[in-house]
Protein backbone atom coordinates (compact mmCIF):
# COMPACT_ATOMS: atom_id res chain seq x y z
CA MET A 1 0.00 0.00 0.00
CA ARG A 2 2.28 2.55 -1.13
CA LYS A 3 -0.46 4.82 -0.49
CA THR A 4 -0.98 4.39 3.03
CA VAL A 5 -0.95 7.90 3.46
CA ILE A 6 0.17 7.77 6.88
CA LEU A 7 3.65 8.77 6.32
CA VAL A 8 2.75 12.01 4.91
CA SER A 9 1.36 13.20 8.07
CA ALA A 10 4.32 12.23 10.02
CA LEU A 11 6.34 14.50 8.08
CA LEU A 12 5.77 17.44 9.79
CA LEU A 13 6.28 19.58 12.46
CA PRO A 14 8.07 18.14 15.30
CA MET A 15 11.37 17.58 13.66
CA GLY A 16 13.50 20.48 12.90
CA SER A 17 13.85 23.24 10.43
CA MET A 18 15.44 21.19 7.68
CA ALA A 19 14.03 18.71 5.22
CA ALA A 20 14.31 15.15 6.47
CA SER A 21 13.71 11.70 5.02
CA TYR A 22 12.18 8.84 7.00
CA THR A 23 11.78 5.15 6.35
CA ILE A 24 8.65 3.40 7.58
CA ASP A 25 9.38 0.90 10.33
CA PRO A 26 7.57 -2.27 9.15
CA THR A 27 7.61 -3.73 12.66
CA HIS A 28 5.74 -0.73 14.07
CA THR A 29 3.38 0.03 11.20
CA TYR A 30 -0.04 -1.57 11.23
CA PRO A 31 -2.51 -1.02 8.36
CA ASN A 32 -5.81 -2.49 9.53
CA PHE A 33 -9.46 -2.38 8.57
CA THR A 34 -13.01 -3.15 9.61
CA ILE A 35 -15.97 -4.02 7.41
CA ASP A 36 -19.55 -5.13 8.01
CA HIS A 37 -19.96 -8.90 7.76
CA LEU A 38 -23.43 -9.93 6.59
CA GLY A 39 -25.05 -7.41 8.94
CA PHE A 40 -24.22 -9.63 11.92
CA SER A 41 -20.78 -8.47 13.01
CA THR A 42 -17.73 -6.39 12.18
CA LEU A 43 -14.82 -8.20 10.54
CA HIS A 44 -11.35 -7.00 11.55
CA GLY A 45 -8.25 -7.53 9.43
CA ARG A 46 -4.74 -6.26 8.92
CA PHE A 47 -1.81 -6.34 6.54
CA GLY A 48 1.47 -7.68 7.92
CA LYS A 49 3.99 -6.26 5.43
CA THR A 50 4.34 -2.53 4.78
CA THR A 51 7.21 -0.42 3.45
CA GLY A 52 7.53 3.21 2.50
CA LYS A 53 9.16 6.59 2.80
CA LEU A 54 8.27 10.05 3.96
CA GLU A 55 9.84 13.40 3.41
CA LEU A 56 9.32 16.31 5.81
CA ASP A 57 10.32 19.92 5.70
CA GLN A 58 8.96 21.54 8.78
CA ALA A 59 10.33 24.95 8.01
CA LYS A 60 8.30 25.00 4.81
CA GLY A 61 5.36 23.03 6.22
CA THR A 62 5.60 20.47 3.45
CA GLY A 63 5.89 16.73 3.21
CA SER A 64 5.17 13.67 1.16
CA VAL A 65 4.59 10.01 1.75
CA GLU A 66 4.71 6.80 -0.22
CA ILE A 67 3.45 3.54 1.22
CA VAL A 68 3.51 0.04 -0.23
CA ILE A 69 1.41 -2.73 1.32
CA ASP A 70 1.86 -6.37 0.39
CA ALA A 71 -1.69 -7.44 -0.55
CA ALA A 72 -0.91 -11.11 0.14
CA SER A 73 -0.02 -10.26 3.76
CA ILE A 74 -3.70 -9.86 4.63
CA ASP A 75 -4.61 -11.51 7.92
CA THR A 76 -8.07 -11.83 9.45
CA GLY A 77 -7.15 -14.71 11.75
CA PHE A 78 -8.76 -17.39 9.58
CA LYS A 79 -6.64 -18.99 6.81
CA LYS A 80 -9.52 -20.06 4.56
CA ARG A 81 -10.98 -16.54 4.57
CA ASP A 82 -7.54 -14.99 4.04
CA ASP A 83 -6.94 -17.23 1.03
CA HIS A 84 -10.31 -16.12 -0.39
CA LEU A 85 -9.42 -12.46 0.21
CA ARG A 86 -6.19 -12.98 -1.78
CA SER A 87 -8.19 -14.46 -4.69
CA PRO A 88 -9.57 -12.59 -7.74
CA ASP A 89 -12.89 -12.20 -5.85
CA PHE A 90 -11.23 -9.62 -3.61
CA PHE A 91 -7.60 -8.37 -3.72
CA ASN A 92 -6.38 -10.58 -6.57
CA ALA A 93 -2.96 -10.57 -4.89
CA VAL A 94 -1.24 -12.63 -7.58
CA GLU A 95 -2.02 -10.15 -10.36
CA PHE A 96 -1.91 -7.06 -8.10
CA PRO A 97 0.62 -7.82 -5.35
CA GLU A 98 0.86 -4.27 -4.00
CA ILE A 99 -1.51 -1.72 -2.56
CA THR A 100 0.08 1.71 -2.83
CA PHE A 101 -0.49 5.20 -1.58
CA LYS A 102 1.28 8.33 -2.78
CA SER A 103 0.48 11.68 -1.27
CA THR A 104 -0.46 14.64 -3.44
CA LYS A 105 -1.14 17.22 -0.70
CA VAL A 106 -0.42 17.56 3.01
CA THR A 107 -2.17 20.17 5.12
CA PHE A 108 -1.10 20.65 8.74
CA GLN A 109 -3.66 21.61 11.34
CA GLY A 110 -2.38 22.14 14.86
CA LYS A 111 -0.67 18.91 15.94
CA GLY A 112 -2.34 16.90 13.17
CA ALA A 113 -2.70 16.87 9.41
CA THR A 114 -4.82 15.89 6.46
CA VAL A 115 -3.02 13.92 3.79
CA VAL A 116 -4.61 13.58 0.37
CA GLY A 117 -3.19 11.10 -2.06
CA ASP A 118 -3.66 8.43 -4.67
CA LEU A 119 -4.56 4.98 -3.36
CA THR A 120 -4.16 2.11 -5.81
CA ILE A 121 -5.84 -1.24 -5.19
CA MET A 122 -6.11 -3.89 -7.93
CA GLY A 123 -4.82 -1.44 -10.53
CA VAL A 124 -7.53 1.14 -9.77
CA THR A 125 -6.38 4.51 -8.44
CA LYS A 126 -8.64 6.82 -6.43
CA SER A 127 -7.96 9.94 -4.41
CA VAL A 128 -8.41 9.44 -0.65
CA SER A 129 -8.00 11.74 2.32
CA LEU A 130 -6.35 10.55 5.52
CA ALA A 131 -7.09 12.25 8.82
CA ILE A 132 -4.25 12.42 11.33
CA ALA A 133 -5.20 13.72 14.75
CA SER A 134 -1.67 14.00 16.12
CA ILE A 135 1.87 13.64 14.80
CA ASN A 136 4.45 12.75 17.40
CA CYS A 137 8.18 13.01 16.76
CA GLY A 138 11.17 12.63 19.02
CA VAL A 139 14.08 10.47 20.05
CA HIS A 140 13.23 6.79 20.44
CA PRO A 141 13.99 5.83 24.07
CA ILE A 142 15.60 2.50 23.14
CA ASN A 143 17.48 2.92 19.85
CA LYS A 144 18.06 6.70 20.28
CA LYS A 145 17.07 7.41 16.65
CA GLN A 146 14.75 10.20 15.55
CA VAL A 147 11.25 8.77 15.00
CA CYS A 148 7.88 10.17 13.93
CA GLY A 149 4.61 8.37 14.48
CA PHE A 150 0.92 8.92 13.88
CA ASP A 151 -2.41 7.24 13.38
CA ALA A 152 -4.23 7.89 10.11
CA THR A 153 -7.83 7.02 9.34
CA THR A 154 -10.11 7.08 6.33
CA GLN A 155 -13.19 5.42 4.88
CA LEU A 156 -13.47 4.06 1.37
CA LYS A 157 -15.80 2.00 -0.78
CA ARG A 158 -14.29 -1.29 -1.92
CA SER A 159 -16.54 -1.29 -4.99
CA ASP A 160 -14.74 1.89 -6.18
CA PHE A 161 -11.66 -0.31 -6.62
CA GLY A 162 -13.51 -3.09 -8.47
CA MET A 163 -14.00 -5.29 -5.42
CA LYS A 164 -17.68 -6.17 -5.80
CA PHE A 165 -17.84 -9.80 -4.66
CA ALA A 166 -20.67 -10.51 -2.16
CA LEU A 167 -22.14 -7.00 -2.28
CA PRO A 168 -24.28 -5.97 -0.53
CA ALA A 169 -24.14 -8.84 1.99
CA VAL A 170 -20.53 -8.06 2.84
CA GLY A 171 -20.26 -4.31 3.37
CA ASP A 172 -19.02 -1.86 0.80
CA ILE A 173 -17.69 0.68 3.31
CA VAL A 174 -14.21 -0.12 4.64
CA ASN A 175 -12.81 1.73 7.65
CA LEU A 176 -9.05 1.89 7.22
CA ALA A 177 -6.63 2.83 9.99
CA ILE A 178 -2.89 2.97 9.76
CA GLU A 179 -0.77 3.21 12.87
CA MET A 180 2.68 4.15 11.67
CA GLU A 181 6.18 4.84 12.87
CA ALA A 182 9.05 5.99 10.66
CA THR A 183 12.74 6.40 11.47
CA LYS A 184 14.86 9.29 10.18
CA ASP A 185 17.35 8.20 7.52
């Protein structure tokens, strides 16, 4: 999910007055989602493999983010369902192995930000807006490296990306959250 927007928001303010590059920490980045399941319950899932970069220039109030998510790393806690989600009915992970996000605009608001960018799923690209309530940057207490972190949220319609299997029984609205940490290069 190159797109996972999240990075963009991290870019910002807390760092310094110079432009800085960050690499997403895949062990502390957690793209996850919820979706209505047949009107009975809410299905939770996540993606286990994410990479990406962010660029921040706090003096200028600018930034960018690129996120790549391994579509085959989907995990809902049930192998049979996960295999179905990787199939052409849903993510078609063999033909479209990556979900990407690339920011096009970052707007800072107080301690947070709005990151607009292009999300690509199954070869279909749509503009999405990520809301980031708070961007937190500082020195990591264990490895002593400069780190920025944030939580980004958005809602999207899976049918907009060509994922129409089992509609309307399985919900169309997907709530996406990305908890992210990135380390300064």
